[in-house]
N, C-alpha and C. Protein backbone atom coordinates (compact mmCIF):
# COMPACT_ATOMS: atom_id res chain seq x y z
N MET A 1 103.93 -6.31 -112.97
CA MET A 1 105.04 -6.26 -112.02
C MET A 1 104.72 -5.30 -110.87
N ARG A 2 104.18 -4.15 -111.22
CA ARG A 2 103.83 -3.16 -110.18
C ARG A 2 102.79 -3.73 -109.23
N THR A 3 101.80 -4.43 -109.76
CA THR A 3 100.75 -5.01 -108.93
C THR A 3 101.33 -6.06 -107.99
N LEU A 4 102.26 -6.85 -108.48
CA LEU A 4 102.90 -7.88 -107.67
C LEU A 4 103.68 -7.25 -106.51
N LEU A 5 104.44 -6.19 -106.79
CA LEU A 5 105.20 -5.51 -105.75
C LEU A 5 104.28 -4.88 -104.71
N LEU A 6 103.19 -4.27 -105.17
CA LEU A 6 102.23 -3.66 -104.25
C LEU A 6 101.58 -4.72 -103.36
N ALA A 7 101.22 -5.86 -103.95
CA ALA A 7 100.62 -6.94 -103.17
C ALA A 7 101.61 -7.49 -102.15
N LEU A 8 102.87 -7.61 -102.52
CA LEU A 8 103.90 -8.10 -101.61
C LEU A 8 104.10 -7.12 -100.45
N ALA A 9 104.19 -5.84 -100.75
CA ALA A 9 104.36 -4.83 -99.70
C ALA A 9 103.15 -4.81 -98.77
N THR A 10 101.96 -4.90 -99.32
CA THR A 10 100.75 -4.91 -98.51
C THR A 10 100.72 -6.14 -97.61
N GLY A 11 101.10 -7.27 -98.13
CA GLY A 11 101.15 -8.50 -97.34
C GLY A 11 102.14 -8.42 -96.20
N LEU A 12 103.31 -7.84 -96.45
CA LEU A 12 104.31 -7.70 -95.39
C LEU A 12 103.83 -6.75 -94.30
N LEU A 13 103.20 -5.65 -94.70
CA LEU A 13 102.67 -4.72 -93.71
C LEU A 13 101.55 -5.35 -92.91
N ALA A 14 100.69 -6.10 -93.56
CA ALA A 14 99.58 -6.75 -92.85
C ALA A 14 100.09 -7.79 -91.86
N ALA A 15 101.16 -8.48 -92.21
CA ALA A 15 101.72 -9.48 -91.31
C ALA A 15 102.28 -8.83 -90.04
N CYS A 16 102.82 -7.65 -90.18
CA CYS A 16 103.37 -6.93 -89.03
C CYS A 16 102.29 -6.23 -88.23
N ALA A 17 101.20 -5.90 -88.86
CA ALA A 17 100.17 -5.09 -88.23
C ALA A 17 99.04 -5.96 -87.69
N THR A 18 99.22 -6.48 -86.49
CA THR A 18 98.18 -7.28 -85.85
C THR A 18 98.01 -6.80 -84.42
N ALA A 19 96.83 -7.02 -83.90
CA ALA A 19 96.55 -6.66 -82.51
C ALA A 19 97.40 -7.52 -81.58
N THR A 20 97.62 -7.03 -80.38
CA THR A 20 98.41 -7.76 -79.39
C THR A 20 97.68 -9.06 -79.02
N PRO A 21 98.33 -10.20 -79.20
CA PRO A 21 97.69 -11.45 -78.80
C PRO A 21 97.78 -11.63 -77.29
N TYR A 22 97.07 -12.62 -76.78
CA TYR A 22 97.11 -12.94 -75.34
C TYR A 22 98.43 -13.66 -75.08
N GLN A 23 99.35 -12.95 -74.45
CA GLN A 23 100.68 -13.50 -74.20
C GLN A 23 101.34 -12.71 -73.08
N ALA A 24 102.39 -13.29 -72.51
CA ALA A 24 103.17 -12.56 -71.51
C ALA A 24 103.91 -11.43 -72.21
N ALA A 25 104.04 -10.30 -71.53
CA ALA A 25 104.75 -9.16 -72.10
C ALA A 25 106.23 -9.49 -72.17
N ASN A 26 106.78 -9.31 -73.36
CA ASN A 26 108.21 -9.56 -73.55
C ASN A 26 108.93 -8.23 -73.69
N THR A 27 109.91 -8.17 -74.54
CA THR A 27 110.69 -6.96 -74.72
C THR A 27 109.87 -5.82 -75.32
N ASP A 28 108.81 -6.12 -76.06
CA ASP A 28 108.01 -5.06 -76.67
C ASP A 28 106.98 -4.48 -75.70
N ARG A 29 106.90 -4.98 -74.47
CA ARG A 29 106.03 -4.49 -73.40
C ARG A 29 104.56 -4.79 -73.59
N TYR A 30 104.15 -5.37 -74.71
CA TYR A 30 102.73 -5.61 -74.95
C TYR A 30 102.36 -7.02 -74.51
N GLY A 31 101.26 -7.12 -73.77
CA GLY A 31 100.80 -8.39 -73.24
C GLY A 31 100.56 -8.23 -71.75
N PHE A 32 100.51 -9.36 -71.02
CA PHE A 32 100.20 -9.28 -69.59
C PHE A 32 101.44 -9.40 -68.72
N GLN A 33 101.36 -8.79 -67.55
CA GLN A 33 102.37 -8.90 -66.50
C GLN A 33 101.61 -8.99 -65.19
N GLU A 34 102.22 -9.64 -64.21
CA GLU A 34 101.62 -9.64 -62.89
C GLU A 34 102.69 -9.49 -61.83
N GLN A 35 102.27 -8.96 -60.71
CA GLN A 35 103.17 -8.77 -59.57
C GLN A 35 102.42 -9.20 -58.32
N ARG A 36 102.99 -10.15 -57.59
CA ARG A 36 102.38 -10.61 -56.35
C ARG A 36 102.60 -9.55 -55.28
N ILE A 37 101.52 -9.17 -54.62
CA ILE A 37 101.58 -8.15 -53.57
C ILE A 37 101.54 -8.80 -52.20
N GLU A 38 100.64 -9.76 -52.00
CA GLU A 38 100.55 -10.57 -50.79
C GLU A 38 100.31 -12.00 -51.23
N ASN A 39 100.15 -12.93 -50.29
CA ASN A 39 99.93 -14.33 -50.65
C ASN A 39 98.71 -14.52 -51.55
N ASN A 40 97.65 -13.77 -51.28
CA ASN A 40 96.42 -13.95 -52.06
C ASN A 40 96.07 -12.71 -52.91
N ARG A 41 97.00 -11.79 -53.06
CA ARG A 41 96.72 -10.55 -53.78
C ARG A 41 97.76 -10.35 -54.88
N VAL A 42 97.27 -10.01 -56.10
CA VAL A 42 98.14 -9.84 -57.26
C VAL A 42 97.69 -8.61 -58.04
N ARG A 43 98.67 -7.86 -58.57
CA ARG A 43 98.38 -6.76 -59.49
C ARG A 43 98.66 -7.30 -60.91
N ILE A 44 97.67 -7.16 -61.78
CA ILE A 44 97.78 -7.66 -63.15
C ILE A 44 97.66 -6.47 -64.10
N THR A 45 98.50 -6.46 -65.12
CA THR A 45 98.48 -5.40 -66.14
C THR A 45 98.41 -6.05 -67.52
N PHE A 46 97.60 -5.48 -68.40
CA PHE A 46 97.62 -5.91 -69.81
C PHE A 46 97.76 -4.66 -70.66
N ARG A 47 98.80 -4.63 -71.50
CA ARG A 47 99.05 -3.51 -72.42
C ARG A 47 98.82 -3.98 -73.84
N GLY A 48 98.04 -3.21 -74.58
CA GLY A 48 97.81 -3.52 -75.99
C GLY A 48 98.51 -2.53 -76.88
N ASN A 49 98.80 -2.94 -78.11
CA ASN A 49 99.39 -2.02 -79.08
C ASN A 49 98.28 -1.15 -79.69
N THR A 50 98.62 -0.35 -80.67
CA THR A 50 97.64 0.59 -81.24
C THR A 50 96.54 -0.11 -82.03
N LEU A 51 96.68 -1.39 -82.30
CA LEU A 51 95.65 -2.13 -83.03
C LEU A 51 94.75 -2.95 -82.10
N THR A 52 95.00 -2.86 -80.81
CA THR A 52 94.22 -3.61 -79.83
C THR A 52 93.20 -2.68 -79.18
N ASP A 53 91.93 -3.00 -79.34
CA ASP A 53 90.89 -2.10 -78.81
C ASP A 53 90.74 -2.26 -77.29
N ARG A 54 90.03 -1.32 -76.71
CA ARG A 54 89.85 -1.27 -75.26
C ARG A 54 89.15 -2.52 -74.73
N GLU A 55 88.13 -2.98 -75.41
CA GLU A 55 87.38 -4.15 -74.95
C GLU A 55 88.27 -5.39 -74.89
N THR A 56 89.13 -5.55 -75.88
CA THR A 56 90.04 -6.70 -75.91
C THR A 56 91.02 -6.63 -74.74
N VAL A 57 91.58 -5.45 -74.49
CA VAL A 57 92.52 -5.28 -73.39
C VAL A 57 91.85 -5.64 -72.06
N GLU A 58 90.64 -5.17 -71.85
CA GLU A 58 89.93 -5.46 -70.60
C GLU A 58 89.53 -6.93 -70.49
N THR A 59 89.16 -7.54 -71.61
CA THR A 59 88.83 -8.97 -71.62
C THR A 59 90.05 -9.80 -71.25
N TYR A 60 91.20 -9.49 -71.86
CA TYR A 60 92.42 -10.24 -71.57
C TYR A 60 92.85 -10.07 -70.11
N LEU A 61 92.62 -8.89 -69.54
CA LEU A 61 92.94 -8.67 -68.13
C LEU A 61 92.10 -9.58 -67.23
N LEU A 62 90.81 -9.65 -67.48
CA LEU A 62 89.94 -10.52 -66.67
C LEU A 62 90.30 -12.00 -66.87
N TYR A 63 90.61 -12.36 -68.11
CA TYR A 63 90.99 -13.74 -68.39
C TYR A 63 92.27 -14.11 -67.63
N ARG A 64 93.23 -13.18 -67.63
CA ARG A 64 94.48 -13.45 -66.90
C ARG A 64 94.23 -13.54 -65.40
N ALA A 65 93.33 -12.72 -64.88
CA ALA A 65 92.97 -12.79 -63.45
C ALA A 65 92.40 -14.17 -63.11
N ALA A 66 91.58 -14.70 -63.99
CA ALA A 66 91.02 -16.04 -63.77
C ALA A 66 92.13 -17.09 -63.81
N GLU A 67 93.04 -16.98 -64.77
CA GLU A 67 94.15 -17.94 -64.86
C GLU A 67 95.02 -17.91 -63.62
N VAL A 68 95.39 -16.71 -63.18
CA VAL A 68 96.25 -16.58 -62.00
C VAL A 68 95.56 -17.17 -60.78
N THR A 69 94.26 -16.93 -60.66
CA THR A 69 93.50 -17.46 -59.53
C THR A 69 93.53 -18.99 -59.53
N LEU A 70 93.26 -19.59 -60.68
CA LEU A 70 93.26 -21.05 -60.77
C LEU A 70 94.66 -21.64 -60.59
N GLU A 71 95.68 -20.96 -61.14
CA GLU A 71 97.06 -21.43 -60.97
C GLU A 71 97.48 -21.38 -59.50
N SER A 72 96.89 -20.47 -58.73
CA SER A 72 97.20 -20.36 -57.30
C SER A 72 96.41 -21.36 -56.46
N GLY A 73 95.53 -22.12 -57.11
CA GLY A 73 94.73 -23.11 -56.39
C GLY A 73 93.48 -22.54 -55.74
N ASN A 74 93.08 -21.34 -56.17
CA ASN A 74 91.89 -20.70 -55.61
C ASN A 74 90.71 -20.84 -56.57
N ASP A 75 89.51 -20.47 -56.06
CA ASP A 75 88.28 -20.66 -56.83
C ASP A 75 87.70 -19.36 -57.40
N TYR A 76 87.83 -18.28 -56.66
CA TYR A 76 87.26 -17.02 -57.14
C TYR A 76 88.19 -15.87 -56.78
N PHE A 77 87.97 -14.74 -57.44
CA PHE A 77 88.75 -13.55 -57.14
C PHE A 77 87.83 -12.35 -57.01
N ILE A 78 88.29 -11.39 -56.25
CA ILE A 78 87.57 -10.13 -56.08
C ILE A 78 88.47 -9.02 -56.64
N VAL A 79 87.90 -8.21 -57.50
CA VAL A 79 88.64 -7.08 -58.07
C VAL A 79 88.59 -5.95 -57.04
N ALA A 80 89.74 -5.66 -56.46
CA ALA A 80 89.82 -4.63 -55.43
C ALA A 80 90.00 -3.24 -56.05
N ASN A 81 90.62 -3.20 -57.21
CA ASN A 81 90.95 -1.94 -57.83
C ASN A 81 91.15 -2.20 -59.32
N ARG A 82 90.52 -1.41 -60.18
CA ARG A 82 90.66 -1.65 -61.62
C ARG A 82 90.57 -0.34 -62.37
N ALA A 83 91.44 -0.18 -63.39
CA ALA A 83 91.43 1.04 -64.21
C ALA A 83 91.94 0.71 -65.61
N THR A 84 91.45 1.45 -66.58
CA THR A 84 91.94 1.34 -67.95
C THR A 84 92.38 2.72 -68.40
N ASP A 85 93.65 2.82 -68.80
CA ASP A 85 94.21 4.09 -69.27
C ASP A 85 94.27 4.09 -70.78
N GLU A 86 94.01 5.25 -71.35
CA GLU A 86 94.09 5.43 -72.81
C GLU A 86 95.20 6.42 -73.11
N ASP A 87 96.11 6.02 -73.98
CA ASP A 87 97.19 6.89 -74.44
C ASP A 87 96.88 7.26 -75.88
N THR A 88 96.57 8.52 -76.13
CA THR A 88 96.22 8.98 -77.48
C THR A 88 97.32 9.88 -77.99
N ARG A 89 97.75 9.60 -79.22
CA ARG A 89 98.77 10.41 -79.87
C ARG A 89 98.36 10.69 -81.30
N VAL A 90 98.86 11.79 -81.82
CA VAL A 90 98.63 12.13 -83.22
C VAL A 90 99.93 11.85 -83.95
N ARG A 91 99.82 11.06 -85.01
CA ARG A 91 101.01 10.69 -85.78
C ARG A 91 100.85 11.11 -87.23
N ARG A 92 101.96 11.45 -87.83
CA ARG A 92 101.96 11.78 -89.24
C ARG A 92 101.90 10.49 -90.03
N ASP A 93 101.05 10.47 -91.04
CA ASP A 93 100.91 9.29 -91.88
C ASP A 93 102.16 9.17 -92.75
N PRO A 94 102.91 8.06 -92.65
CA PRO A 94 104.14 7.93 -93.44
C PRO A 94 103.90 7.78 -94.94
N PHE A 95 102.68 7.41 -95.32
CA PHE A 95 102.36 7.25 -96.73
C PHE A 95 101.30 8.27 -97.11
N PRO A 96 101.68 9.32 -97.83
CA PRO A 96 100.69 10.32 -98.23
C PRO A 96 99.56 9.66 -99.02
N SER A 97 98.41 10.30 -98.99
CA SER A 97 97.23 9.70 -99.60
C SER A 97 97.37 9.48 -101.10
N ARG A 98 98.29 10.13 -101.74
CA ARG A 98 98.42 9.93 -103.19
C ARG A 98 98.84 8.51 -103.52
N PHE A 99 99.48 7.82 -102.59
CA PHE A 99 99.89 6.45 -102.86
C PHE A 99 98.70 5.49 -102.81
N ALA A 100 97.59 5.96 -102.31
CA ALA A 100 96.41 5.11 -102.24
C ALA A 100 95.66 5.06 -103.57
N TYR A 101 96.04 5.90 -104.50
CA TYR A 101 95.36 5.96 -105.79
C TYR A 101 96.33 5.60 -106.90
N ASP A 102 95.80 5.30 -108.03
CA ASP A 102 96.63 4.90 -109.16
C ASP A 102 96.85 6.10 -110.08
N TYR A 103 97.77 6.98 -109.70
CA TYR A 103 98.10 8.15 -110.51
C TYR A 103 99.37 7.87 -111.29
N TRP A 104 99.37 8.28 -112.54
CA TRP A 104 100.56 8.18 -113.37
C TRP A 104 100.85 9.58 -113.90
N TYR A 105 102.11 9.98 -113.86
CA TYR A 105 102.51 11.30 -114.33
C TYR A 105 103.57 11.15 -115.39
N PHE A 106 103.63 12.16 -116.27
CA PHE A 106 104.60 12.12 -117.35
C PHE A 106 105.75 13.05 -117.01
N SER A 107 106.96 12.53 -117.14
CA SER A 107 108.18 13.31 -116.96
C SER A 107 108.98 13.18 -118.25
N PRO A 108 109.49 14.29 -118.77
CA PRO A 108 110.29 14.19 -120.00
C PRO A 108 111.49 13.27 -119.83
N ARG A 109 112.06 13.19 -118.64
CA ARG A 109 113.23 12.32 -118.45
C ARG A 109 112.83 10.88 -118.17
N ARG A 110 111.72 10.65 -117.45
CA ARG A 110 111.36 9.31 -117.01
C ARG A 110 110.22 8.70 -117.81
N GLY A 111 109.51 9.49 -118.56
CA GLY A 111 108.33 8.97 -119.25
C GLY A 111 107.18 8.90 -118.26
N TRP A 112 106.28 7.96 -118.47
CA TRP A 112 105.15 7.79 -117.57
C TRP A 112 105.60 7.05 -116.31
N SER A 113 105.26 7.59 -115.17
CA SER A 113 105.72 7.00 -113.92
C SER A 113 104.71 7.25 -112.81
N PRO A 114 104.48 6.25 -111.94
CA PRO A 114 103.60 6.49 -110.79
C PRO A 114 104.31 7.26 -109.68
N TRP A 115 105.63 7.41 -109.77
CA TRP A 115 106.40 8.01 -108.68
C TRP A 115 106.74 9.47 -108.93
N TYR A 116 106.51 9.98 -110.11
CA TYR A 116 106.82 11.37 -110.41
C TYR A 116 105.54 12.19 -110.33
N ASP A 117 105.53 13.23 -109.52
CA ASP A 117 104.36 14.08 -109.37
C ASP A 117 104.80 15.53 -109.42
N PRO A 118 104.56 16.22 -110.54
CA PRO A 118 104.98 17.62 -110.65
C PRO A 118 104.13 18.54 -109.77
N PHE A 119 103.02 18.05 -109.25
CA PHE A 119 102.14 18.87 -108.43
C PHE A 119 102.19 18.47 -106.96
N TRP A 120 103.34 18.00 -106.53
CA TRP A 120 103.49 17.51 -105.16
C TRP A 120 103.45 18.68 -104.18
N ASP A 121 102.28 19.01 -103.74
CA ASP A 121 102.13 20.05 -102.74
C ASP A 121 101.04 19.66 -101.75
N GLU A 122 100.75 18.38 -101.71
CA GLU A 122 99.72 17.88 -100.81
C GLU A 122 100.18 18.03 -99.36
N PRO A 123 99.34 18.57 -98.50
CA PRO A 123 99.75 18.69 -97.10
C PRO A 123 99.87 17.31 -96.45
N ALA A 124 100.68 17.25 -95.43
CA ALA A 124 100.85 15.98 -94.72
C ALA A 124 99.53 15.58 -94.08
N SER A 125 99.30 14.27 -94.00
CA SER A 125 98.08 13.81 -93.33
C SER A 125 98.46 13.23 -91.97
N TYR A 126 97.57 13.37 -91.02
CA TYR A 126 97.80 12.93 -89.66
C TYR A 126 96.67 12.01 -89.23
N ARG A 127 96.97 11.16 -88.27
CA ARG A 127 95.92 10.29 -87.73
C ARG A 127 96.14 10.13 -86.23
N GLU A 128 95.06 9.86 -85.56
CA GLU A 128 95.10 9.67 -84.11
C GLU A 128 95.21 8.17 -83.83
N VAL A 129 96.12 7.81 -82.94
CA VAL A 129 96.27 6.41 -82.55
C VAL A 129 96.08 6.30 -81.04
N ASN A 130 95.43 5.23 -80.63
CA ASN A 130 95.15 4.98 -79.22
C ASN A 130 95.81 3.69 -78.78
N ARG A 131 96.27 3.70 -77.56
CA ARG A 131 96.83 2.50 -76.95
C ARG A 131 96.20 2.38 -75.57
N TYR A 132 95.78 1.17 -75.20
CA TYR A 132 95.11 0.96 -73.92
C TYR A 132 95.94 0.08 -73.00
N GLU A 133 95.85 0.39 -71.71
CA GLU A 133 96.49 -0.40 -70.68
C GLU A 133 95.50 -0.57 -69.54
N ALA A 134 95.21 -1.80 -69.17
CA ALA A 134 94.29 -2.09 -68.07
C ALA A 134 95.09 -2.67 -66.91
N VAL A 135 94.76 -2.20 -65.70
CA VAL A 135 95.43 -2.65 -64.49
C VAL A 135 94.37 -3.02 -63.46
N ALA A 136 94.58 -4.13 -62.77
CA ALA A 136 93.66 -4.53 -61.70
C ALA A 136 94.44 -5.17 -60.57
N GLU A 137 93.98 -4.92 -59.36
CA GLU A 137 94.48 -5.65 -58.20
C GLU A 137 93.38 -6.61 -57.81
N ILE A 138 93.75 -7.88 -57.67
CA ILE A 138 92.76 -8.89 -57.32
C ILE A 138 93.16 -9.58 -56.02
N ALA A 139 92.15 -10.01 -55.29
CA ALA A 139 92.35 -10.84 -54.10
C ALA A 139 91.70 -12.19 -54.41
N MET A 140 92.42 -13.28 -54.14
CA MET A 140 91.96 -14.63 -54.50
C MET A 140 91.56 -15.43 -53.27
N PHE A 141 90.47 -16.20 -53.42
CA PHE A 141 89.93 -16.95 -52.28
C PHE A 141 89.45 -18.34 -52.71
N ASP A 142 89.27 -19.22 -51.71
CA ASP A 142 88.73 -20.56 -51.93
C ASP A 142 87.23 -20.57 -51.67
N GLY A 143 86.56 -21.56 -52.23
CA GLY A 143 85.13 -21.74 -51.97
C GLY A 143 84.27 -21.04 -53.00
N ALA A 144 82.99 -20.93 -52.65
CA ALA A 144 82.03 -20.29 -53.55
C ALA A 144 82.15 -18.78 -53.43
N LYS A 145 82.03 -18.10 -54.57
CA LYS A 145 82.12 -16.64 -54.53
C LYS A 145 80.91 -16.06 -53.82
N PRO A 146 81.06 -14.93 -53.15
CA PRO A 146 79.93 -14.29 -52.48
C PRO A 146 78.90 -13.84 -53.52
N ALA A 147 77.67 -14.24 -53.34
CA ALA A 147 76.62 -13.94 -54.32
C ALA A 147 76.26 -12.47 -54.37
N ASN A 148 76.46 -11.75 -53.29
CA ASN A 148 76.04 -10.35 -53.25
C ASN A 148 77.17 -9.36 -53.55
N ASP A 149 78.32 -9.83 -54.00
CA ASP A 149 79.45 -8.94 -54.29
C ASP A 149 79.65 -8.84 -55.80
N PRO A 150 79.34 -7.68 -56.40
CA PRO A 150 79.48 -7.54 -57.86
C PRO A 150 80.93 -7.53 -58.32
N ASP A 151 81.89 -7.37 -57.41
CA ASP A 151 83.30 -7.38 -57.77
C ASP A 151 83.93 -8.76 -57.63
N ALA A 152 83.13 -9.78 -57.29
CA ALA A 152 83.61 -11.15 -57.14
C ALA A 152 83.33 -11.93 -58.42
N PHE A 153 84.33 -12.70 -58.86
CA PHE A 153 84.23 -13.48 -60.10
C PHE A 153 84.63 -14.92 -59.86
N ASP A 154 83.83 -15.86 -60.32
CA ASP A 154 84.18 -17.28 -60.29
C ASP A 154 85.21 -17.51 -61.40
N ALA A 155 86.41 -17.91 -61.05
CA ALA A 155 87.51 -18.01 -62.01
C ALA A 155 87.22 -19.01 -63.12
N ARG A 156 86.62 -20.16 -62.80
CA ARG A 156 86.33 -21.16 -63.84
C ARG A 156 85.27 -20.65 -64.82
N GLU A 157 84.29 -19.93 -64.27
CA GLU A 157 83.23 -19.39 -65.12
C GLU A 157 83.77 -18.30 -66.05
N VAL A 158 84.62 -17.43 -65.51
CA VAL A 158 85.24 -16.37 -66.33
C VAL A 158 86.05 -17.01 -67.46
N GLN A 159 86.85 -18.00 -67.10
CA GLN A 159 87.69 -18.65 -68.10
C GLN A 159 86.84 -19.33 -69.18
N ALA A 160 85.78 -20.00 -68.79
CA ALA A 160 84.91 -20.69 -69.76
C ALA A 160 84.20 -19.68 -70.67
N ASN A 161 83.74 -18.58 -70.11
CA ASN A 161 82.99 -17.60 -70.90
C ASN A 161 83.86 -16.76 -71.82
N LEU A 162 85.12 -16.52 -71.45
CA LEU A 162 85.99 -15.66 -72.26
C LEU A 162 86.93 -16.43 -73.18
N GLN A 163 87.01 -17.74 -73.01
CA GLN A 163 87.95 -18.57 -73.78
C GLN A 163 87.85 -18.33 -75.29
N GLY A 164 86.64 -18.21 -75.81
CA GLY A 164 86.45 -18.04 -77.25
C GLY A 164 86.89 -16.69 -77.78
N ARG A 165 87.12 -15.73 -76.91
CA ARG A 165 87.52 -14.38 -77.34
C ARG A 165 89.02 -14.16 -77.22
N VAL A 166 89.73 -15.14 -76.70
CA VAL A 166 91.17 -15.00 -76.48
C VAL A 166 91.93 -15.48 -77.72
N VAL A 167 92.76 -14.58 -78.27
CA VAL A 167 93.58 -14.91 -79.45
C VAL A 167 95.01 -15.05 -78.98
N ARG A 168 95.53 -16.24 -79.16
CA ARG A 168 96.92 -16.50 -78.73
C ARG A 168 97.88 -16.26 -79.90
N PRO A 169 99.16 -16.04 -79.61
CA PRO A 169 100.11 -15.81 -80.70
C PRO A 169 100.28 -17.08 -81.53
N PRO A 170 100.63 -16.92 -82.80
CA PRO A 170 100.84 -18.12 -83.64
C PRO A 170 102.00 -18.96 -83.11
N ALA A 171 101.87 -20.25 -83.29
CA ALA A 171 102.93 -21.16 -82.86
C ALA A 171 104.18 -20.93 -83.71
N PRO A 172 105.37 -21.00 -83.10
CA PRO A 172 106.60 -20.81 -83.88
C PRO A 172 106.77 -21.90 -84.92
N ALA A 173 107.27 -21.50 -86.07
CA ALA A 173 107.48 -22.47 -87.16
C ALA A 173 108.66 -23.38 -86.83
N GLY A 174 108.52 -24.61 -87.23
CA GLY A 174 109.66 -25.51 -87.08
C GLY A 174 109.49 -26.47 -86.05
């Protein structure tokens, strides 16, 4: 019974604990947003949760830039300005490390129990969590991208090369 409950709790936590998929930012603020600045210029932001690594956030930003460029009817974009911010915080671990092991203690009132610990003096454990946010301003143009500009990207090529790395949210049930 205990094993079944532990497996169920682990499964529920794992279902909630996933990296930010490639999606528009909703109420939870995670995902992409864009703001049109001029006819051919857009500011794009991608925010990831604490389970989304820096490389994924930057990949999704470039992928979104390619999508916006193609949706606007353009062929290539130039990154005019780009930055990735890291937000690091130290958080207290809500589950002390003793729950990671199979300890059983004897209590005269309860008998043998995994929840009774007469030596509960373990210090709190802490962990560092990181969250990344990438922002870029892009300018979109028609025609072939300039060959000598390292900040110019062919939107179709970017989309084709990054497509396999983009994880979309699961389809709604029903």
